[in-house]
Amino acid sequence: MAEGDNCCTNPLASVNLNLEAQPQGWGEVMLMADKVLPWERAWLPPAIMGVVSLVFLTIYSLDPSVLSVSCFVTFLCFADYLVLIQAPRIFGSNKWATEEQHRFHDICSNLVKTRHRAVGWWKCLFILKEEKPKMYFMAMIVSLAATAWVGQQVHNLPLTYLNVTFSLLLPGFSQHGIRMAKREINKLLKQKEKKNE
């Protein structure tokens, strides 16, 4: 009863439970991605960059047409169908250990929080539009003009490559970057303490 009440009072918890129930078969894939993207091993960042580079080099060399893009979407639909069928065989049984269930819950919570933040930024944009329309107009014109200029100067494929690479490396940067920053701050504090002594 308490859990149901908590879901009603906390909309994020309700969305989180819905998200956990949705991706049947994709849970194992999400757990695997959660091991790769935060860089649990030192060789993962170059591997991620290598795979992304290989995919984009293939796209560049093939120079696909619109028909090829639709074939790629068809392939993604087929992969989605296969994951639902083959995931239990590839990744093991459907029964997860408590640790795996906890990690999956954390992944879903992070996805819900990220979505909530994005919606919050979107709402802030509309609040700015209503409260300060001139500032909103100028900010939109400047940002869209800058985006158009960058898009004109650089081909779309390298820009997409940089965006995809950055997006895939961001979880590792955020996790390891914080650790490195803490280490550097601790080193600076220790050096300062030694100088004071």
C-alpha atoms as a PDB file:
ATOM      1  CA  MET A   1       0.000   0.000   0.000  1.00  0.00           C
ATOM      2  CA  ALA A   2       2.825   2.389   0.856  1.00  0.00           C
ATOM      3  CA  GLU A   3       4.497   1.705  -2.467  1.00  0.00           C
ATOM      4  CA  GLY A   4       1.327   2.552  -4.378  1.00  0.00           C
ATOM      5  CA  ASP A   5       0.893   5.750  -2.389  1.00  0.00           C
ATOM      6  CA  ASN A   6       4.503   6.679  -3.137  1.00  0.00           C
ATOM      7  CA  CYS A   7       3.896   6.223  -6.869  1.00  0.00           C
ATOM      8  CA  CYS A   8       0.842   8.472  -6.744  1.00  0.00           C
ATOM      9  CA  THR A   9       2.605  11.239  -4.823  1.00  0.00           C
ATOM     10  CA  ASN A  10       5.874  11.042  -6.770  1.00  0.00           C
ATOM     11  CA  PRO A  11       5.261  11.256 -10.540  1.00  0.00           C
ATOM     12  CA  LEU A  12       8.922  10.433 -11.308  1.00  0.00           C
ATOM     13  CA  ALA A  13       8.607   7.132  -9.426  1.00  0.00           C
ATOM     14  CA  SER A  14       5.489   6.279 -11.440  1.00  0.00           C
ATOM     15  CA  VAL A  15       7.227   7.063 -14.745  1.00  0.00           C
ATOM     16  CA  ASN A  16      10.241   5.043 -13.553  1.00  0.00           C
ATOM     17  CA  LEU A  17       8.060   1.987 -12.859  1.00  0.00           C
ATOM     18  CA  ASN A  18       6.441   2.340 -16.285  1.00  0.00           C
ATOM     19  CA  LEU A  19       9.862   2.562 -17.937  1.00  0.00           C
ATOM     20  CA  GLU A  20      11.097  -0.542 -16.115  1.00  0.00           C
ATOM     21  CA  ALA A  21       8.063  -2.490 -17.346  1.00  0.00           C
ATOM     22  CA  GLN A  22       8.404  -1.344 -20.986  1.00  0.00           C
ATOM     23  CA  PRO A  23      11.662  -2.567 -22.531  1.00  0.00           C
ATOM     24  CA  GLN A  24      11.151  -6.303 -22.398  1.00  0.00           C
ATOM     25  CA  GLY A  25      14.258  -7.896 -23.848  1.00  0.00           C
ATOM     26  CA  TRP A  26      16.112  -4.597 -23.961  1.00  0.00           C
ATOM     27  CA  GLY A  27      16.901  -4.722 -20.244  1.00  0.00           C
ATOM     28  CA  GLU A  28      19.949  -6.914 -20.824  1.00  0.00           C
ATOM     29  CA  VAL A  29      21.137  -4.604 -23.597  1.00  0.00           C
ATOM     30  CA  MET A  30      20.703  -1.617 -21.280  1.00  0.00           C
ATOM     31  CA  LEU A  31      22.729  -3.378 -18.565  1.00  0.00           C
ATOM     32  CA  MET A  32      25.502  -4.098 -21.074  1.00  0.00           C
ATOM     33  CA  ALA A  33      25.479  -0.471 -22.236  1.00  0.00           C
ATOM     34  CA  ASP A  34      25.654   0.618 -18.591  1.00  0.00           C
ATOM     35  CA  LYS A  35      28.900  -1.326 -18.280  1.00  0.00           C
ATOM     36  CA  VAL A  36      30.381   0.085 -21.490  1.00  0.00           C
ATOM     37  CA  LEU A  37      29.379   3.762 -21.462  1.00  0.00           C
ATOM     38  CA  PRO A  38      30.750   4.654 -17.974  1.00  0.00           C
ATOM     39  CA  TRP A  39      34.118   3.088 -18.932  1.00  0.00           C
ATOM     40  CA  GLU A  40      34.433   0.235 -16.437  1.00  0.00           C
ATOM     41  CA  ARG A  41      37.622  -0.756 -18.253  1.00  0.00           C
ATOM     42  CA  ALA A  42      40.436   1.501 -19.474  1.00  0.00           C
ATOM     43  CA  TRP A  43      40.215   0.258 -23.080  1.00  0.00           C
ATOM     44  CA  LEU A  44      36.520   1.161 -23.499  1.00  0.00           C
ATOM     45  CA  PRO A  45      36.863   4.843 -24.580  1.00  0.00           C
ATOM     46  CA  PRO A  46      39.126   4.010 -27.545  1.00  0.00           C
ATOM     47  CA  ALA A  47      36.863   1.067 -28.399  1.00  0.00           C
ATOM     48  CA  ILE A  48      33.769   3.290 -28.401  1.00  0.00           C
ATOM     49  CA  MET A  49      35.527   5.850 -30.584  1.00  0.00           C
ATOM     50  CA  GLY A  50      36.779   3.084 -32.895  1.00  0.00           C
ATOM     51  CA  VAL A  51      33.320   1.583 -33.383  1.00  0.00           C
ATOM     52  CA  VAL A  52      31.727   4.992 -33.987  1.00  0.00           C
ATOM     53  CA  SER A  53      34.542   5.901 -36.406  1.00  0.00           C
ATOM     54  CA  LEU A  54      34.118   2.607 -38.276  1.00  0.00           C
ATOM     55  CA  VAL A  55      30.368   3.152 -38.622  1.00  0.00           C
ATOM     56  CA  PHE A  56      30.810   6.710 -39.869  1.00  0.00           C
ATOM     57  CA  LEU A  57      33.620   5.751 -42.243  1.00  0.00           C
ATOM     58  CA  THR A  58      31.332   3.070 -43.669  1.00  0.00           C
ATOM     59  CA  ILE A  59      28.533   5.613 -44.091  1.00  0.00           C
ATOM     60  CA  TYR A  60      30.957   8.045 -45.722  1.00  0.00           C
ATOM     61  CA  SER A  61      32.369   5.469 -48.117  1.00  0.00           C
ATOM     62  CA  LEU A  62      28.963   4.061 -49.099  1.00  0.00           C
ATOM     63  CA  ASP A  63      27.364   7.520 -49.450  1.00  0.00           C
ATOM     64  CA  PRO A  64      23.888   6.110 -48.793  1.00  0.00           C
ATOM     65  CA  SER A  65      20.768   7.364 -50.495  1.00  0.00           C
ATOM     66  CA  VAL A  66      17.343   7.888 -48.930  1.00  0.00           C
ATOM     67  CA  LEU A  67      16.480   4.314 -49.874  1.00  0.00           C
ATOM     68  CA  SER A  68      19.514   3.108 -47.901  1.00  0.00           C
ATOM     69  CA  VAL A  69      18.346   5.090 -44.874  1.00  0.00           C
ATOM     70  CA  SER A  70      14.927   3.443 -45.077  1.00  0.00           C
ATOM     71  CA  CYS A  71      16.665   0.053 -45.335  1.00  0.00           C
ATOM     72  CA  PHE A  72      18.646   0.940 -42.214  1.00  0.00           C
ATOM     73  CA  VAL A  73      15.411   1.759 -40.343  1.00  0.00           C
ATOM     74  CA  THR A  74      14.020  -1.576 -41.517  1.00  0.00           C
ATOM     75  CA  PHE A  75      17.162  -3.235 -40.131  1.00  0.00           C
ATOM     76  CA  LEU A  76      16.611  -1.474 -36.782  1.00  0.00           C
ATOM     77  CA  CYS A  77      13.021  -2.749 -36.654  1.00  0.00           C
ATOM     78  CA  PHE A  78      14.279  -6.246 -37.416  1.00  0.00           C
ATOM     79  CA  ALA A  79      16.940  -5.913 -34.676  1.00  0.00           C
ATOM     80  CA  ASP A  80      14.265  -4.815 -32.210  1.00  0.00           C
ATOM     81  CA  TYR A  81      12.246  -7.903 -33.067  1.00  0.00           C
ATOM     82  CA  LEU A  82      15.295 -10.175 -32.705  1.00  0.00           C
ATOM     83  CA  VAL A  83      16.321  -8.670 -29.362  1.00  0.00           C
ATOM     84  CA  LEU A  84      12.928  -9.529 -27.899  1.00  0.00           C
ATOM     85  CA  ILE A  85      13.318 -13.144 -29.024  1.00  0.00           C
ATOM     86  CA  GLN A  86      17.066 -13.754 -28.663  1.00  0.00           C
ATOM     87  CA  ALA A  87      18.014 -11.653 -25.604  1.00  0.00           C
ATOM     88  CA  PRO A  88      17.135 -14.365 -23.056  1.00  0.00           C
ATOM     89  CA  ARG A  89      19.237 -16.904 -24.987  1.00  0.00           C
ATOM     90  CA  ILE A  90      22.233 -14.603 -25.491  1.00  0.00           C
ATOM     91  CA  PHE A  91      22.357 -13.003 -22.054  1.00  0.00           C
ATOM     92  CA  GLY A  92      21.144 -15.922 -19.972  1.00  0.00           C
ATOM     93  CA  SER A  93      17.936 -16.577 -18.139  1.00  0.00           C
ATOM     94  CA  ASN A  94      15.151 -14.074 -17.598  1.00  0.00           C
ATOM     95  CA  LYS A  95      15.781 -14.151 -13.863  1.00  0.00           C
ATOM     96  CA  TRP A  96      18.131 -11.420 -12.756  1.00  0.00           C
ATOM     97  CA  ALA A  97      20.155 -11.303  -9.613  1.00  0.00           C
ATOM     98  CA  THR A  98      19.398  -8.556  -7.113  1.00  0.00           C
ATOM     99  CA  GLU A  99      22.446  -6.568  -8.248  1.00  0.00           C
ATOM    100  CA  GLU A 100      21.333  -6.620 -11.894  1.00  0.00           C
ATOM    101  CA  GLN A 101      17.801  -5.590 -10.933  1.00  0.00           C
ATOM    102  CA  HIS A 102      19.217  -2.744  -8.839  1.00  0.00           C
ATOM    103  CA  ARG A 103      21.440  -1.560 -11.724  1.00  0.00           C
ATOM    104  CA  PHE A 104      18.495  -1.701 -14.121  1.00  0.00           C
ATOM    105  CA  HIS A 105      16.420   0.336 -11.653  1.00  0.00           C
ATOM    106  CA  ASP A 106      19.233   2.919 -11.448  1.00  0.00           C
ATOM    107  CA  ILE A 107      19.458   3.107 -15.255  1.00  0.00           C
ATOM    108  CA  CYS A 108      15.708   3.689 -15.530  1.00  0.00           C
ATOM    109  CA  SER A 109      15.850   6.311 -12.756  1.00  0.00           C
ATOM    110  CA  ASN A 110      18.646   8.159 -14.551  1.00  0.00           C
ATOM    111  CA  LEU A 111      16.743   8.059 -17.845  1.00  0.00           C
ATOM    112  CA  VAL A 112      13.622   9.436 -16.157  1.00  0.00           C
ATOM    113  CA  LYS A 113      15.628  12.198 -14.440  1.00  0.00           C
ATOM    114  CA  THR A 114      17.302  13.126 -17.741  1.00  0.00           C
ATOM    115  CA  ARG A 115      13.936  13.279 -19.464  1.00  0.00           C
ATOM    116  CA  HIS A 116      12.563  15.369 -16.591  1.00  0.00           C
ATOM    117  CA  ARG A 117      15.497  17.817 -16.897  1.00  0.00           C
ATOM    118  CA  ALA A 118      15.013  18.108 -20.663  1.00  0.00           C
ATOM    119  CA  VAL A 119      11.305  18.833 -20.207  1.00  0.00           C
ATOM    120  CA  GLY A 120      12.228  21.381 -17.516  1.00  0.00           C
ATOM    121  CA  TRP A 121      14.596  23.180 -19.909  1.00  0.00           C
ATOM    122  CA  TRP A 122      11.905  23.120 -22.588  1.00  0.00           C
ATOM    123  CA  LYS A 123       9.387  24.654 -20.160  1.00  0.00           C
ATOM    124  CA  CYS A 124      11.935  27.304 -19.117  1.00  0.00           C
ATOM    125  CA  LEU A 125      12.270  28.247 -22.771  1.00  0.00           C
ATOM    126  CA  PHE A 126       8.529  28.817 -23.052  1.00  0.00           C
ATOM    127  CA  ILE A 127       8.475  30.727 -19.769  1.00  0.00           C
ATOM    128  CA  LEU A 128      11.225  32.963 -21.162  1.00  0.00           C
ATOM    129  CA  LYS A 129       9.132  33.413 -24.320  1.00  0.00           C
ATOM    130  CA  GLU A 130       6.138  34.542 -22.285  1.00  0.00           C
ATOM    131  CA  GLU A 131       7.969  36.716 -19.739  1.00  0.00           C
ATOM    132  CA  LYS A 132      10.739  38.246 -21.906  1.00  0.00           C
ATOM    133  CA  PRO A 133       9.764  37.872 -25.565  1.00  0.00           C
ATOM    134  CA  LYS A 134      12.472  40.242 -26.859  1.00  0.00           C
ATOM    135  CA  MET A 135      15.235  38.377 -25.060  1.00  0.00           C
ATOM    136  CA  TYR A 136      13.781  35.049 -26.247  1.00  0.00           C
ATOM    137  CA  PHE A 137      13.650  36.326 -29.832  1.00  0.00           C
ATOM    138  CA  MET A 138      17.232  37.591 -29.775  1.00  0.00           C
ATOM    139  CA  ALA A 139      18.558  34.410 -28.133  1.00  0.00           C
ATOM    140  CA  MET A 140      16.784  32.215 -30.687  1.00  0.00           C
ATOM    141  CA  ILE A 141      17.965  34.299 -33.647  1.00  0.00           C
ATOM    142  CA  VAL A 142      21.589  34.298 -32.454  1.00  0.00           C
ATOM    143  CA  SER A 143      21.658  30.572 -31.595  1.00  0.00           C
ATOM    144  CA  LEU A 144      19.933  29.518 -34.841  1.00  0.00           C
ATOM    145  CA  ALA A 145      22.172  31.795 -36.917  1.00  0.00           C
ATOM    146  CA  ALA A 146      25.273  30.348 -35.220  1.00  0.00           C
ATOM    147  CA  THR A 147      23.996  26.816 -35.835  1.00  0.00           C
ATOM    148  CA  ALA A 148      23.289  27.624 -39.490  1.00  0.00           C
ATOM    149  CA  TRP A 149      26.760  29.152 -39.901  1.00  0.00           C
ATOM    150  CA  VAL A 150      28.476  26.100 -38.374  1.00  0.00           C
ATOM    151  CA  GLY A 151      26.295  23.830 -40.530  1.00  0.00           C
ATOM    152  CA  GLN A 152      27.304  25.810 -43.611  1.00  0.00           C
ATOM    153  CA  GLN A 153      31.030  25.680 -42.795  1.00  0.00           C
ATOM    154  CA  VAL A 154      31.233  21.991 -41.864  1.00  0.00           C
ATOM    155  CA  HIS A 155      29.661  19.010 -43.631  1.00  0.00           C
ATOM    156  CA  ASN A 156      26.790  17.298 -41.784  1.00  0.00           C
ATOM    157  CA  LEU A 157      28.530  13.931 -41.480  1.00  0.00           C
ATOM    158  CA  PRO A 158      31.486  15.180 -39.369  1.00  0.00           C
ATOM    159  CA  LEU A 159      29.095  17.187 -37.194  1.00  0.00           C
ATOM    160  CA  THR A 160      26.931  14.122 -36.656  1.00  0.00           C
ATOM    161  CA  TYR A 161      30.048  12.056 -35.942  1.00  0.00           C
ATOM    162  CA  LEU A 162      31.187  14.552 -33.294  1.00  0.00           C
ATOM    163  CA  ASN A 163      27.715  14.674 -31.718  1.00  0.00           C
ATOM    164  CA  VAL A 164      27.372  10.887 -31.578  1.00  0.00           C
ATOM    165  CA  THR A 165      30.905  10.404 -30.216  1.00  0.00           C
ATOM    166  CA  PHE A 166      30.408  13.103 -27.586  1.00  0.00           C
ATOM    167  CA  SER A 167      27.024  11.643 -26.565  1.00  0.00           C
ATOM    168  CA  LEU A 168      28.466   8.144 -26.168  1.00  0.00           C
ATOM    169  CA  LEU A 169      31.527   9.349 -24.242  1.00  0.00           C
ATOM    170  CA  LEU A 170      29.583  11.765 -22.000  1.00  0.00           C
ATOM    171  CA  PRO A 171      28.599   9.200 -19.314  1.00  0.00           C
ATOM    172  CA  GLY A 172      32.239   8.179 -18.900  1.00  0.00           C
ATOM    173  CA  PHE A 173      33.414  11.789 -18.890  1.00  0.00           C
ATOM    174  CA  SER A 174      30.887  12.703 -16.235  1.00  0.00           C
ATOM    175  CA  GLN A 175      31.803   9.754 -14.023  1.00  0.00           C
ATOM    176  CA  HIS A 176      35.588   9.772 -14.471  1.00  0.00           C
ATOM    177  CA  GLY A 177      35.875  13.528 -14.871  1.00  0.00           C
ATOM    178  CA  ILE A 178      34.372  14.021 -11.416  1.00  0.00           C
ATOM    179  CA  ARG A 179      36.807  11.512  -9.956  1.00  0.00           C
ATOM    180  CA  MET A 180      39.775  13.196 -11.641  1.00  0.00           C
ATOM    181  CA  ALA A 181      38.589  16.616 -10.481  1.00  0.00           C
ATOM    182  CA  LYS A 182      38.266  15.358  -6.898  1.00  0.00           C
ATOM    183  CA  ARG A 183      41.770  13.881  -7.072  1.00  0.00           C
ATOM    184  CA  GLU A 184      43.232  17.131  -8.375  1.00  0.00           C
ATOM    185  CA  ILE A 185      41.416  19.180  -5.722  1.00  0.00           C
ATOM    186  CA  ASN A 186      42.670  16.835  -3.001  1.00  0.00           C
ATOM    187  CA  LYS A 187      46.234  17.154  -4.349  1.00  0.00           C
ATOM    188  CA  LEU A 188      45.963  20.930  -4.319  1.00  0.00           C
ATOM    189  CA  LEU A 189      44.578  20.915  -0.771  1.00  0.00           C
ATOM    190  CA  LYS A 190      47.370  18.632   0.432  1.00  0.00           C
ATOM    191  CA  GLN A 191      50.002  20.853  -1.196  1.00  0.00           C
ATOM    192  CA  LYS A 192      48.438  23.892   0.436  1.00  0.00           C
ATOM    193  CA  GLU A 193      48.441  22.160   3.840  1.00  0.00           C
ATOM    194  CA  LYS A 194      52.141  21.256   3.424  1.00  0.00           C
ATOM    195  CA  LYS A 195      52.972  24.875   2.567  1.00  0.00           C
ATOM    196  CA  ASN A 196      51.063  26.098   5.635  1.00  0.00           C
ATOM    197  CA  GLU A 197      52.985  23.706   7.907  1.00  0.00           C
END
